[in-house]
Amino acid sequence: MSVKECTQHKERKKKLVQRFCGCLLILLFIILLTILIIWAILQPKKPRFTLQDATIFNFNVSAPNIFSTTLQISVSSRNPNSRIGIYYDNLDVYATYRDQQITYYTVIPAVYQGHKDVNLWSPFLYGNNVPIAPFNGPQLREDQAAGAVWLTVKLSGRVRWKVGTVITGRYHLHVTCPAYIPFGVTPRYGGVVVGNAVKYQLSQRCEVTAS
């Protein structure tokens, strides 16, 4: 093969590679554009969470800034989408007081939520001799003595969206549920004695962010 023929062969090979790469890029662009169009048409909405109730088994501040509690919450999640399913890969649930975590993480097992489905979870939240900030201990005692305390129940985890046969990557899900817990069993407080605990109906909508 002459030098001229070798050069022409290399040029043809180079053009074939360039055409192949160009076609591949165009194909990828069309696929991504199709997914974006479908995503826009379906208008995916975030799940809606509601803190239904809280049952208090133990709630105690010991000297000087040690906190212990056992409570059970019921939280529901509704998928508002008619064509999109949701995979909850994992969810950690915990409670905070004045931005400080006061219970350990409780894990909700992975689950798939179909179109328009509602899931109800009732996890226990535990905190045994949890150290709390010096300024939170006295405030928590005062709130309890006054007859009510504001807690925040949080859920944090990862979700995936299912559109037809397409499953997206994982997104961070953050759920914040304010919980006003009154102490008492009179009609004014709405508490109901359940064994050795007191149950409070809350029906509190939660704030949901996904990123």
N, C-alpha and C. Protein backbone atom coordinates (compact mmCIF):
# COMPACT_ATOMS: atom_id res chain seq x y z
N MET A 1 0.86 -1.20 0.00
CA MET A 1 0.00 0.00 0.00
C MET A 1 0.89 1.24 0.00
N SER A 2 0.58 2.18 -0.93
CA SER A 2 1.38 3.39 -1.02
C SER A 2 1.04 4.33 0.11
N VAL A 3 1.88 5.34 0.29
CA VAL A 3 1.65 6.35 1.33
C VAL A 3 0.34 7.09 1.10
N LYS A 4 0.03 7.34 -0.17
CA LYS A 4 -1.21 8.05 -0.52
C LYS A 4 -2.44 7.22 -0.16
N GLU A 5 -2.39 5.91 -0.49
CA GLU A 5 -3.52 5.03 -0.17
C GLU A 5 -3.70 4.90 1.35
N CYS A 6 -2.57 4.82 2.07
CA CYS A 6 -2.63 4.71 3.53
C CYS A 6 -3.27 5.95 4.15
N THR A 7 -2.90 7.11 3.60
CA THR A 7 -3.48 8.36 4.11
C THR A 7 -4.97 8.42 3.85
N GLN A 8 -5.38 8.01 2.62
CA GLN A 8 -6.81 8.01 2.29
C GLN A 8 -7.59 7.05 3.19
N HIS A 9 -7.00 5.91 3.51
CA HIS A 9 -7.65 4.92 4.39
C HIS A 9 -7.86 5.51 5.79
N LYS A 10 -6.84 6.19 6.30
CA LYS A 10 -6.96 6.82 7.62
C LYS A 10 -8.03 7.90 7.64
N GLU A 11 -8.11 8.65 6.55
CA GLU A 11 -9.10 9.72 6.47
C GLU A 11 -10.51 9.13 6.47
N ARG A 12 -10.73 8.05 5.70
CA ARG A 12 -12.05 7.40 5.67
C ARG A 12 -12.42 6.86 7.05
N LYS A 13 -11.45 6.25 7.73
CA LYS A 13 -11.69 5.71 9.06
C LYS A 13 -12.04 6.83 10.05
N LYS A 14 -11.34 7.93 9.92
CA LYS A 14 -11.59 9.08 10.80
C LYS A 14 -13.00 9.63 10.60
N LYS A 15 -13.43 9.71 9.31
CA LYS A 15 -14.77 10.21 9.01
C LYS A 15 -15.85 9.28 9.54
N LEU A 16 -15.60 7.95 9.44
CA LEU A 16 -16.56 6.98 9.97
C LEU A 16 -16.72 7.12 11.47
N VAL A 17 -15.61 7.30 12.17
CA VAL A 17 -15.66 7.48 13.63
C VAL A 17 -16.42 8.75 13.99
N GLN A 18 -16.15 9.83 13.24
CA GLN A 18 -16.83 11.09 13.50
C GLN A 18 -18.34 10.97 13.26
N ARG A 19 -18.72 10.26 12.17
CA ARG A 19 -20.15 10.07 11.88
C ARG A 19 -20.82 9.24 12.98
N PHE A 20 -20.10 8.18 13.41
CA PHE A 20 -20.65 7.32 14.46
C PHE A 20 -20.87 8.11 15.76
N CYS A 21 -19.88 8.90 16.15
CA CYS A 21 -19.99 9.72 17.37
C CYS A 21 -21.12 10.74 17.23
N GLY A 22 -21.23 11.33 16.04
CA GLY A 22 -22.30 12.31 15.82
C GLY A 22 -23.68 11.67 15.94
N CYS A 23 -23.84 10.49 15.33
CA CYS A 23 -25.13 9.78 15.42
C CYS A 23 -25.44 9.39 16.86
N LEU A 24 -24.41 8.95 17.59
CA LEU A 24 -24.60 8.56 18.98
C LEU A 24 -25.05 9.75 19.83
N LEU A 25 -24.44 10.90 19.62
CA LEU A 25 -24.82 12.10 20.37
C LEU A 25 -26.25 12.52 20.04
N ILE A 26 -26.61 12.44 18.77
CA ILE A 26 -27.97 12.80 18.37
C ILE A 26 -28.99 11.86 19.01
N LEU A 27 -28.66 10.56 19.03
CA LEU A 27 -29.56 9.57 19.64
C LEU A 27 -29.73 9.83 21.14
N LEU A 28 -28.63 10.11 21.82
CA LEU A 28 -28.70 10.41 23.26
C LEU A 28 -29.52 11.67 23.51
N PHE A 29 -29.34 12.67 22.65
CA PHE A 29 -30.10 13.91 22.80
C PHE A 29 -31.60 13.66 22.64
N ILE A 30 -31.96 12.83 21.64
CA ILE A 30 -33.38 12.53 21.41
C ILE A 30 -33.98 11.78 22.60
N ILE A 31 -33.21 10.82 23.15
CA ILE A 31 -33.70 10.06 24.31
C ILE A 31 -33.92 10.97 25.50
N LEU A 32 -32.94 11.83 25.80
CA LEU A 32 -33.07 12.76 26.93
C LEU A 32 -34.22 13.73 26.73
N LEU A 33 -34.36 14.23 25.49
CA LEU A 33 -35.45 15.17 25.19
C LEU A 33 -36.80 14.49 25.37
N THR A 34 -36.91 13.22 24.95
CA THR A 34 -38.16 12.48 25.11
C THR A 34 -38.51 12.29 26.57
N ILE A 35 -37.50 11.94 27.38
CA ILE A 35 -37.73 11.77 28.83
C ILE A 35 -38.18 13.09 29.47
N LEU A 36 -37.54 14.19 29.07
CA LEU A 36 -37.92 15.50 29.64
C LEU A 36 -39.34 15.89 29.25
N ILE A 37 -39.72 15.61 28.00
CA ILE A 37 -41.07 15.94 27.54
C ILE A 37 -42.11 15.12 28.30
N ILE A 38 -41.83 13.81 28.44
CA ILE A 38 -42.75 12.94 29.20
C ILE A 38 -42.86 13.42 30.65
N TRP A 39 -41.71 13.76 31.23
CA TRP A 39 -41.68 14.23 32.63
C TRP A 39 -42.50 15.51 32.78
N ALA A 40 -42.37 16.42 31.81
CA ALA A 40 -43.11 17.68 31.87
C ALA A 40 -44.61 17.46 31.71
N ILE A 41 -44.98 16.52 30.80
CA ILE A 41 -46.40 16.25 30.56
C ILE A 41 -47.05 15.62 31.79
N LEU A 42 -46.33 14.71 32.42
CA LEU A 42 -46.90 14.02 33.59
C LEU A 42 -46.98 14.92 34.81
N GLN A 43 -46.13 15.96 34.87
CA GLN A 43 -46.13 16.90 35.99
C GLN A 43 -46.05 16.17 37.34
N PRO A 44 -44.90 15.57 37.64
CA PRO A 44 -44.76 14.83 38.90
C PRO A 44 -44.91 15.73 40.11
N LYS A 45 -45.60 15.22 41.12
CA LYS A 45 -45.82 15.96 42.36
C LYS A 45 -45.21 15.19 43.52
N LYS A 46 -44.75 15.94 44.51
CA LYS A 46 -44.14 15.32 45.68
C LYS A 46 -45.21 14.61 46.51
N PRO A 47 -44.83 13.54 47.22
CA PRO A 47 -45.79 12.87 48.10
C PRO A 47 -46.24 13.81 49.21
N ARG A 48 -47.44 13.57 49.72
CA ARG A 48 -48.01 14.41 50.77
C ARG A 48 -48.03 13.63 52.08
N PHE A 49 -47.38 14.19 53.08
CA PHE A 49 -47.26 13.53 54.38
C PHE A 49 -48.15 14.22 55.41
N THR A 50 -48.74 13.42 56.30
CA THR A 50 -49.55 13.93 57.39
C THR A 50 -49.19 13.18 58.67
N LEU A 51 -48.90 13.94 59.72
CA LEU A 51 -48.66 13.34 61.04
C LEU A 51 -50.02 13.14 61.70
N GLN A 52 -50.47 11.89 61.77
CA GLN A 52 -51.83 11.59 62.22
C GLN A 52 -51.98 11.68 63.74
N ASP A 53 -51.07 11.05 64.48
CA ASP A 53 -51.19 11.05 65.93
C ASP A 53 -49.84 10.74 66.56
N ALA A 54 -49.79 10.93 67.88
CA ALA A 54 -48.59 10.61 68.66
C ALA A 54 -49.04 10.01 69.98
N THR A 55 -48.39 8.91 70.38
CA THR A 55 -48.69 8.24 71.64
C THR A 55 -47.46 8.34 72.53
N ILE A 56 -47.63 8.95 73.72
CA ILE A 56 -46.52 9.19 74.63
C ILE A 56 -46.51 8.11 75.70
N PHE A 57 -45.43 7.33 75.75
CA PHE A 57 -45.24 6.32 76.79
C PHE A 57 -44.37 6.85 77.93
N ASN A 58 -43.39 7.66 77.57
CA ASN A 58 -42.44 8.19 78.55
C ASN A 58 -41.91 9.51 78.03
N PHE A 59 -41.81 10.49 78.94
CA PHE A 59 -41.30 11.81 78.55
C PHE A 59 -40.73 12.45 79.81
N ASN A 60 -39.39 12.45 79.92
CA ASN A 60 -38.79 12.81 81.20
C ASN A 60 -37.46 13.52 81.01
N VAL A 61 -37.28 14.64 81.72
CA VAL A 61 -36.00 15.35 81.76
C VAL A 61 -35.40 15.12 83.14
N SER A 62 -34.21 14.53 83.18
CA SER A 62 -33.54 14.30 84.46
C SER A 62 -32.35 15.24 84.60
N ALA A 63 -31.80 15.28 85.82
CA ALA A 63 -30.77 16.28 86.13
C ALA A 63 -29.48 16.03 85.36
N PRO A 64 -28.84 17.15 84.91
CA PRO A 64 -29.53 18.41 84.70
C PRO A 64 -30.10 18.52 83.28
N ASN A 65 -29.42 17.85 82.34
CA ASN A 65 -29.82 17.99 80.94
C ASN A 65 -29.80 16.64 80.23
N ILE A 66 -30.48 15.67 80.83
CA ILE A 66 -30.59 14.33 80.25
C ILE A 66 -32.06 14.06 79.98
N PHE A 67 -32.34 13.61 78.76
CA PHE A 67 -33.72 13.43 78.33
C PHE A 67 -33.97 11.98 77.92
N SER A 68 -35.13 11.46 78.34
CA SER A 68 -35.54 10.11 77.94
C SER A 68 -36.99 10.14 77.48
N THR A 69 -37.27 9.42 76.41
CA THR A 69 -38.64 9.37 75.92
C THR A 69 -38.89 8.08 75.13
N THR A 70 -40.13 7.68 75.12
CA THR A 70 -40.61 6.62 74.24
C THR A 70 -41.95 7.09 73.70
N LEU A 71 -42.05 7.20 72.40
CA LEU A 71 -43.31 7.61 71.79
C LEU A 71 -43.51 6.86 70.49
N GLN A 72 -44.75 6.75 70.09
CA GLN A 72 -45.10 6.13 68.82
C GLN A 72 -45.90 7.12 68.01
N ILE A 73 -45.52 7.29 66.76
CA ILE A 73 -46.23 8.21 65.89
C ILE A 73 -46.89 7.42 64.76
N SER A 74 -47.91 8.01 64.18
CA SER A 74 -48.52 7.47 62.96
C SER A 74 -48.44 8.56 61.90
N VAL A 75 -47.75 8.25 60.81
CA VAL A 75 -47.59 9.21 59.73
C VAL A 75 -48.02 8.56 58.42
N SER A 76 -48.81 9.29 57.64
CA SER A 76 -49.30 8.76 56.37
C SER A 76 -48.63 9.49 55.21
N SER A 77 -48.47 8.77 54.11
CA SER A 77 -47.92 9.35 52.90
C SER A 77 -48.84 9.01 51.74
N ARG A 78 -49.20 10.03 50.98
CA ARG A 78 -50.08 9.84 49.82
C ARG A 78 -49.35 10.23 48.55
N ASN A 79 -49.40 9.36 47.55
CA ASN A 79 -48.85 9.66 46.24
C ASN A 79 -49.94 10.33 45.40
N PRO A 80 -49.81 11.63 45.11
CA PRO A 80 -50.87 12.34 44.37
C PRO A 80 -50.83 12.12 42.86
N ASN A 81 -49.81 11.41 42.37
CA ASN A 81 -49.63 11.24 40.94
C ASN A 81 -50.45 10.07 40.41
N SER A 82 -51.05 10.26 39.26
CA SER A 82 -51.88 9.21 38.65
C SER A 82 -51.09 8.32 37.69
N ARG A 83 -49.86 8.73 37.32
CA ARG A 83 -49.06 7.92 36.38
C ARG A 83 -47.63 7.69 36.86
N ILE A 84 -47.34 8.10 38.07
CA ILE A 84 -45.97 7.99 38.59
C ILE A 84 -45.98 7.25 39.92
N GLY A 85 -45.15 6.22 40.03
CA GLY A 85 -44.98 5.50 41.28
C GLY A 85 -43.75 6.01 42.02
N ILE A 86 -43.66 5.70 43.30
CA ILE A 86 -42.55 6.18 44.13
C ILE A 86 -41.91 5.00 44.87
N TYR A 87 -40.61 4.88 44.73
CA TYR A 87 -39.84 3.92 45.53
C TYR A 87 -39.23 4.65 46.72
N TYR A 88 -39.62 4.26 47.92
CA TYR A 88 -38.96 4.77 49.13
C TYR A 88 -37.85 3.78 49.46
N ASP A 89 -36.62 4.13 49.12
CA ASP A 89 -35.51 3.20 49.34
C ASP A 89 -35.16 3.09 50.82
N ASN A 90 -35.22 4.18 51.53
CA ASN A 90 -35.04 4.15 52.99
C ASN A 90 -35.53 5.47 53.56
N LEU A 91 -36.05 5.41 54.76
CA LEU A 91 -36.50 6.60 55.47
C LEU A 91 -36.08 6.49 56.93
N ASP A 92 -35.41 7.51 57.43
CA ASP A 92 -35.07 7.60 58.84
C ASP A 92 -36.03 8.58 59.51
N VAL A 93 -36.58 8.17 60.66
CA VAL A 93 -37.54 9.00 61.40
C VAL A 93 -36.93 9.35 62.75
N TYR A 94 -37.08 10.59 63.16
CA TYR A 94 -36.58 11.00 64.47
C TYR A 94 -37.32 12.27 64.90
N ALA A 95 -37.17 12.62 66.18
CA ALA A 95 -37.82 13.81 66.72
C ALA A 95 -36.78 14.82 67.17
N THR A 96 -37.13 16.11 67.05
CA THR A 96 -36.24 17.17 67.50
C THR A 96 -37.00 18.13 68.41
N TYR A 97 -36.25 18.82 69.25
CA TYR A 97 -36.81 19.88 70.09
C TYR A 97 -35.90 21.10 69.95
N ARG A 98 -36.46 22.19 69.47
CA ARG A 98 -35.69 23.42 69.28
C ARG A 98 -34.41 23.13 68.48
N ASP A 99 -34.58 22.41 67.36
CA ASP A 99 -33.52 22.10 66.40
C ASP A 99 -32.47 21.12 66.92
N GLN A 100 -32.73 20.47 68.06
CA GLN A 100 -31.81 19.46 68.55
C GLN A 100 -32.47 18.09 68.51
N GLN A 101 -31.77 17.12 67.95
CA GLN A 101 -32.31 15.77 67.87
C GLN A 101 -32.39 15.16 69.27
N ILE A 102 -33.57 14.61 69.63
CA ILE A 102 -33.76 14.08 70.98
C ILE A 102 -34.13 12.60 70.98
N THR A 103 -34.24 11.98 69.81
CA THR A 103 -34.46 10.53 69.73
C THR A 103 -33.47 9.94 68.74
N TYR A 104 -33.30 8.63 68.84
CA TYR A 104 -32.46 7.94 67.88
C TYR A 104 -33.21 7.83 66.54
N TYR A 105 -32.47 7.44 65.51
CA TYR A 105 -33.11 7.19 64.22
C TYR A 105 -33.88 5.87 64.27
N THR A 106 -35.09 5.90 63.70
CA THR A 106 -35.86 4.68 63.48
C THR A 106 -36.02 4.52 61.97
N VAL A 107 -35.70 3.34 61.47
CA VAL A 107 -35.69 3.10 60.02
C VAL A 107 -37.03 2.52 59.57
N ILE A 108 -37.62 3.13 58.55
CA ILE A 108 -38.81 2.58 57.89
C ILE A 108 -38.34 1.74 56.71
N PRO A 109 -38.74 0.48 56.63
CA PRO A 109 -38.27 -0.40 55.54
C PRO A 109 -38.64 0.14 54.17
N ALA A 110 -37.84 -0.24 53.17
CA ALA A 110 -38.08 0.18 51.79
C ALA A 110 -39.44 -0.33 51.31
N VAL A 111 -40.11 0.50 50.51
CA VAL A 111 -41.44 0.14 50.02
C VAL A 111 -41.71 0.87 48.71
N TYR A 112 -42.55 0.27 47.87
CA TYR A 112 -43.00 0.93 46.64
C TYR A 112 -44.42 1.45 46.84
N GLN A 113 -44.66 2.68 46.41
CA GLN A 113 -45.98 3.30 46.54
C GLN A 113 -46.55 3.54 45.14
N GLY A 114 -47.66 2.86 44.84
CA GLY A 114 -48.27 2.97 43.52
C GLY A 114 -49.01 4.28 43.31
N HIS A 115 -49.62 4.40 42.13
CA HIS A 115 -50.35 5.62 41.77
C HIS A 115 -51.50 5.86 42.75
N LYS A 116 -51.57 7.06 43.29
CA LYS A 116 -52.66 7.47 44.18
C LYS A 116 -52.75 6.64 45.47
N ASP A 117 -51.73 5.86 45.75
CA ASP A 117 -51.76 5.00 46.94
C ASP A 117 -51.45 5.80 48.20
N VAL A 118 -51.87 5.25 49.34
CA VAL A 118 -51.60 5.84 50.66
C VAL A 118 -50.91 4.78 51.52
N ASN A 119 -49.80 5.15 52.13
CA ASN A 119 -49.09 4.28 53.06
C ASN A 119 -49.19 4.87 54.47
N LEU A 120 -49.35 4.02 55.46
CA LEU A 120 -49.40 4.46 56.86
C LEU A 120 -48.33 3.73 57.64
N TRP A 121 -47.47 4.49 58.29
CA TRP A 121 -46.41 3.92 59.13
C TRP A 121 -46.61 4.35 60.58
N SER A 122 -46.30 3.46 61.51
CA SER A 122 -46.45 3.75 62.94
C SER A 122 -45.18 3.34 63.69
N PRO A 123 -44.09 4.04 63.46
CA PRO A 123 -42.83 3.67 64.11
C PRO A 123 -42.75 4.17 65.55
N PHE A 124 -41.98 3.45 66.36
CA PHE A 124 -41.64 3.91 67.70
C PHE A 124 -40.37 4.76 67.63
N LEU A 125 -40.34 5.82 68.43
CA LEU A 125 -39.16 6.67 68.54
C LEU A 125 -38.65 6.58 69.97
N TYR A 126 -37.36 6.30 70.11
CA TYR A 126 -36.77 6.11 71.43
C TYR A 126 -35.65 7.11 71.67
N GLY A 127 -35.57 7.55 72.92
CA GLY A 127 -34.43 8.34 73.36
C GLY A 127 -34.16 7.99 74.81
N ASN A 128 -33.05 7.32 75.07
CA ASN A 128 -32.75 6.86 76.43
C ASN A 128 -31.50 7.57 76.94
N ASN A 129 -31.69 8.44 77.93
CA ASN A 129 -30.59 9.21 78.52
C ASN A 129 -29.81 9.98 77.45
N VAL A 130 -30.55 10.72 76.64
CA VAL A 130 -29.94 11.51 75.57
C VAL A 130 -29.49 12.86 76.13
N PRO A 131 -28.20 13.23 75.99
CA PRO A 131 -27.74 14.55 76.45
C PRO A 131 -28.36 15.65 75.58
N ILE A 132 -28.86 16.68 76.22
CA ILE A 132 -29.42 17.81 75.48
C ILE A 132 -28.71 19.09 75.91
N ALA A 133 -28.83 20.10 75.09
CA ALA A 133 -28.13 21.36 75.34
C ALA A 133 -28.57 21.96 76.68
N PRO A 134 -27.64 22.62 77.40
CA PRO A 134 -27.97 23.19 78.71
C PRO A 134 -29.16 24.14 78.69
N PHE A 135 -29.31 24.89 77.59
CA PHE A 135 -30.43 25.83 77.52
C PHE A 135 -31.74 25.15 77.14
N ASN A 136 -31.67 23.91 76.60
CA ASN A 136 -32.90 23.20 76.22
C ASN A 136 -33.50 22.42 77.39
N GLY A 137 -32.64 21.97 78.32
CA GLY A 137 -33.16 21.21 79.46
C GLY A 137 -34.18 21.98 80.28
N PRO A 138 -33.81 23.16 80.81
CA PRO A 138 -34.78 23.95 81.59
C PRO A 138 -36.01 24.34 80.79
N GLN A 139 -35.82 24.67 79.49
CA GLN A 139 -36.96 25.08 78.66
C GLN A 139 -37.92 23.92 78.45
N LEU A 140 -37.38 22.73 78.28
CA LEU A 140 -38.23 21.55 78.10
C LEU A 140 -39.01 21.26 79.37
N ARG A 141 -38.37 21.43 80.52
CA ARG A 141 -39.08 21.25 81.79
C ARG A 141 -40.22 22.25 81.93
N GLU A 142 -39.93 23.51 81.57
CA GLU A 142 -40.95 24.56 81.67
C GLU A 142 -42.13 24.26 80.76
N ASP A 143 -41.85 23.83 79.53
CA ASP A 143 -42.92 23.50 78.59
C ASP A 143 -43.79 22.36 79.12
N GLN A 144 -43.13 21.34 79.66
CA GLN A 144 -43.88 20.20 80.19
C GLN A 144 -44.73 20.62 81.38
N ALA A 145 -44.17 21.46 82.26
CA ALA A 145 -44.92 21.93 83.42
C ALA A 145 -46.10 22.80 83.00
N ALA A 146 -45.93 23.54 81.89
CA ALA A 146 -46.99 24.42 81.40
C ALA A 146 -48.10 23.63 80.71
N GLY A 147 -47.85 22.36 80.40
CA GLY A 147 -48.92 21.52 79.87
C GLY A 147 -48.82 21.19 78.39
N ALA A 148 -47.77 21.63 77.70
CA ALA A 148 -47.65 21.31 76.27
C ALA A 148 -46.22 21.55 75.81
N VAL A 149 -45.83 20.84 74.76
CA VAL A 149 -44.49 20.99 74.21
C VAL A 149 -44.57 20.90 72.68
N TRP A 150 -43.77 21.72 72.03
CA TRP A 150 -43.65 21.67 70.57
C TRP A 150 -42.47 20.79 70.19
N LEU A 151 -42.74 19.72 69.50
CA LEU A 151 -41.70 18.87 68.93
C LEU A 151 -41.78 18.94 67.41
N THR A 152 -40.75 18.47 66.76
CA THR A 152 -40.76 18.35 65.30
C THR A 152 -40.36 16.93 64.94
N VAL A 153 -41.23 16.25 64.22
CA VAL A 153 -40.92 14.91 63.73
C VAL A 153 -40.39 15.05 62.32
N LYS A 154 -39.23 14.44 62.06
CA LYS A 154 -38.59 14.56 60.76
C LYS A 154 -38.37 13.19 60.12
N LEU A 155 -38.54 13.15 58.81
CA LEU A 155 -38.24 11.96 58.02
C LEU A 155 -37.23 12.36 56.95
N SER A 156 -36.21 11.57 56.81
CA SER A 156 -35.16 11.88 55.84
C SER A 156 -34.73 10.59 55.15
N GLY A 157 -34.62 10.65 53.82
CA GLY A 157 -34.22 9.44 53.10
C GLY A 157 -34.08 9.70 51.61
N ARG A 158 -34.17 8.61 50.85
CA ARG A 158 -34.01 8.69 49.40
C ARG A 158 -35.20 8.04 48.70
N VAL A 159 -35.61 8.65 47.60
CA VAL A 159 -36.72 8.11 46.81
C VAL A 159 -36.34 8.07 45.34
N ARG A 160 -37.05 7.21 44.60
CA ARG A 160 -36.92 7.16 43.14
C ARG A 160 -38.32 7.22 42.55
N TRP A 161 -38.43 7.84 41.37
CA TRP A 161 -39.70 7.95 40.68
C TRP A 161 -39.78 6.90 39.58
N LYS A 162 -40.94 6.30 39.40
CA LYS A 162 -41.15 5.29 38.36
C LYS A 162 -42.20 5.79 37.38
N VAL A 163 -41.76 6.03 36.14
CA VAL A 163 -42.65 6.49 35.07
C VAL A 163 -42.71 5.41 34.01
N GLY A 164 -43.80 4.65 33.98
CA GLY A 164 -43.86 3.51 33.07
C GLY A 164 -42.83 2.47 33.48
N THR A 165 -41.88 2.19 32.56
CA THR A 165 -40.81 1.25 32.88
C THR A 165 -39.51 1.97 33.24
N VAL A 166 -39.55 3.29 33.21
CA VAL A 166 -38.35 4.09 33.50
C VAL A 166 -38.30 4.43 34.98
N ILE A 167 -37.16 4.17 35.62
CA ILE A 167 -36.96 4.50 37.04
C ILE A 167 -35.82 5.51 37.13
N THR A 168 -36.08 6.61 37.78
CA THR A 168 -35.08 7.68 37.87
C THR A 168 -34.00 7.34 38.89
N GLY A 169 -33.01 8.22 38.98
CA GLY A 169 -32.00 8.11 40.02
C GLY A 169 -32.59 8.50 41.37
N ARG A 170 -31.78 8.41 42.40
CA ARG A 170 -32.26 8.68 43.76
C ARG A 170 -32.28 10.18 44.05
N TYR A 171 -33.34 10.59 44.73
CA TYR A 171 -33.49 11.97 45.19
C TYR A 171 -33.57 11.99 46.71
N HIS A 172 -33.03 13.05 47.31
CA HIS A 172 -33.13 13.22 48.76
C HIS A 172 -34.54 13.72 49.09
N LEU A 173 -35.15 13.09 50.09
CA LEU A 173 -36.48 13.49 50.55
C LEU A 173 -36.37 13.95 52.00
N HIS A 174 -36.90 15.14 52.27
CA HIS A 174 -36.89 15.68 53.63
C HIS A 174 -38.32 16.06 54.01
N VAL A 175 -38.78 15.54 55.13
CA VAL A 175 -40.15 15.79 55.59
C VAL A 175 -40.09 16.37 57.00
N THR A 176 -40.80 17.46 57.22
CA THR A 176 -40.82 18.12 58.53
C THR A 176 -42.26 18.23 59.01
N CYS A 177 -42.52 17.64 60.18
CA CYS A 177 -43.88 17.61 60.73
C CYS A 177 -43.90 18.27 62.11
N PRO A 178 -44.44 19.48 62.24
CA PRO A 178 -44.57 20.08 63.57
C PRO A 178 -45.59 19.31 64.41
N ALA A 179 -45.28 19.10 65.67
CA ALA A 179 -46.16 18.32 66.55
C ALA A 179 -46.36 19.06 67.86
N TYR A 180 -47.57 19.54 68.09
CA TYR A 180 -47.92 20.19 69.36
C TYR A 180 -48.48 19.13 70.29
N ILE A 181 -47.70 18.79 71.32
CA ILE A 181 -48.08 17.71 72.23
C ILE A 181 -48.57 18.28 73.54
N PRO A 182 -49.88 18.23 73.81
CA PRO A 182 -50.40 18.65 75.11
C PRO A 182 -50.31 17.49 76.10
N PHE A 183 -50.06 17.81 77.35
CA PHE A 183 -50.01 16.76 78.38
C PHE A 183 -51.30 16.81 79.19
N GLY A 184 -52.06 15.74 79.13
CA GLY A 184 -53.33 15.68 79.86
C GLY A 184 -54.32 14.78 79.14
N VAL A 185 -55.36 14.40 79.84
CA VAL A 185 -56.35 13.48 79.28
C VAL A 185 -57.76 14.06 79.36
N THR A 186 -57.88 15.33 79.66
CA THR A 186 -59.18 15.96 79.73
C THR A 186 -59.65 16.29 78.31
N PRO A 187 -60.95 16.55 78.12
CA PRO A 187 -61.44 16.92 76.79
C PRO A 187 -60.73 18.11 76.19
N ARG A 188 -60.27 19.02 77.09
CA ARG A 188 -59.57 20.20 76.59
C ARG A 188 -58.29 19.81 75.85
N TYR A 189 -57.59 18.81 76.34
CA TYR A 189 -56.34 18.39 75.74
C TYR A 189 -56.53 17.33 74.66
N GLY A 190 -57.58 16.56 74.73
CA GLY A 190 -57.85 15.57 73.71
C GLY A 190 -57.07 14.29 73.85
N GLY A 191 -56.36 14.10 74.96
CA GLY A 191 -55.59 12.88 75.15
C GLY A 191 -56.49 11.70 75.49
N VAL A 192 -56.13 10.53 75.00
CA VAL A 192 -56.88 9.30 75.27
C VAL A 192 -55.92 8.30 75.89
N VAL A 193 -56.28 7.75 77.04
CA VAL A 193 -55.43 6.77 77.71
C VAL A 193 -55.48 5.45 76.95
N VAL A 194 -54.29 4.96 76.59
CA VAL A 194 -54.17 3.68 75.88
C VAL A 194 -53.17 2.84 76.68
N GLY A 195 -53.67 1.96 77.55
CA GLY A 195 -52.78 1.18 78.40
C GLY A 195 -52.02 2.09 79.35
N ASN A 196 -50.70 2.07 79.24
CA ASN A 196 -49.86 2.92 80.09
C ASN A 196 -49.36 4.15 79.33
N ALA A 197 -50.06 4.53 78.29
CA ALA A 197 -49.66 5.68 77.48
C ALA A 197 -50.86 6.59 77.22
N VAL A 198 -50.56 7.76 76.65
CA VAL A 198 -51.61 8.71 76.27
C VAL A 198 -51.45 9.03 74.79
N LYS A 199 -52.56 8.90 74.05
CA LYS A 199 -52.54 9.11 72.61
C LYS A 199 -53.20 10.43 72.26
N TYR A 200 -52.56 11.20 71.37
CA TYR A 200 -53.07 12.51 70.95
C TYR A 200 -53.29 12.51 69.44
N GLN A 201 -54.48 12.90 69.01
CA GLN A 201 -54.77 13.07 67.60
C GLN A 201 -54.21 14.41 67.13
N LEU A 202 -53.44 14.40 66.03
CA LEU A 202 -52.78 15.61 65.56
C LEU A 202 -53.27 16.05 64.18
N SER A 203 -53.29 15.13 63.21
CA SER A 203 -53.70 15.43 61.83
C SER A 203 -53.00 16.68 61.31
N GLN A 204 -51.68 16.67 61.42
CA GLN A 204 -50.86 17.82 61.06
C GLN A 204 -50.18 17.60 59.71
N ARG A 205 -50.44 18.50 58.75
CA ARG A 205 -49.77 18.41 57.44
C ARG A 205 -48.28 18.70 57.60
N CYS A 206 -47.48 18.02 56.80
CA CYS A 206 -46.02 18.14 56.89
C CYS A 206 -45.46 18.87 55.66
N GLU A 207 -44.33 19.48 55.85
CA GLU A 207 -43.64 20.13 54.73
C GLU A 207 -42.69 19.13 54.08
N VAL A 208 -42.73 19.04 52.75
CA VAL A 208 -41.95 18.05 52.02
C VAL A 208 -41.07 18.75 50.98
N THR A 209 -39.78 18.38 50.98
CA THR A 209 -38.86 18.86 49.95
C THR A 209 -38.12 17.68 49.36
N ALA A 210 -37.88 17.73 48.06
CA ALA A 210 -37.12 16.68 47.37
C ALA A 210 -36.08 17.34 46.48
N SER A 211 -34.85 16.84 46.54
CA SER A 211 -33.78 17.44 45.75
C SER A 211 -32.81 16.37 45.27
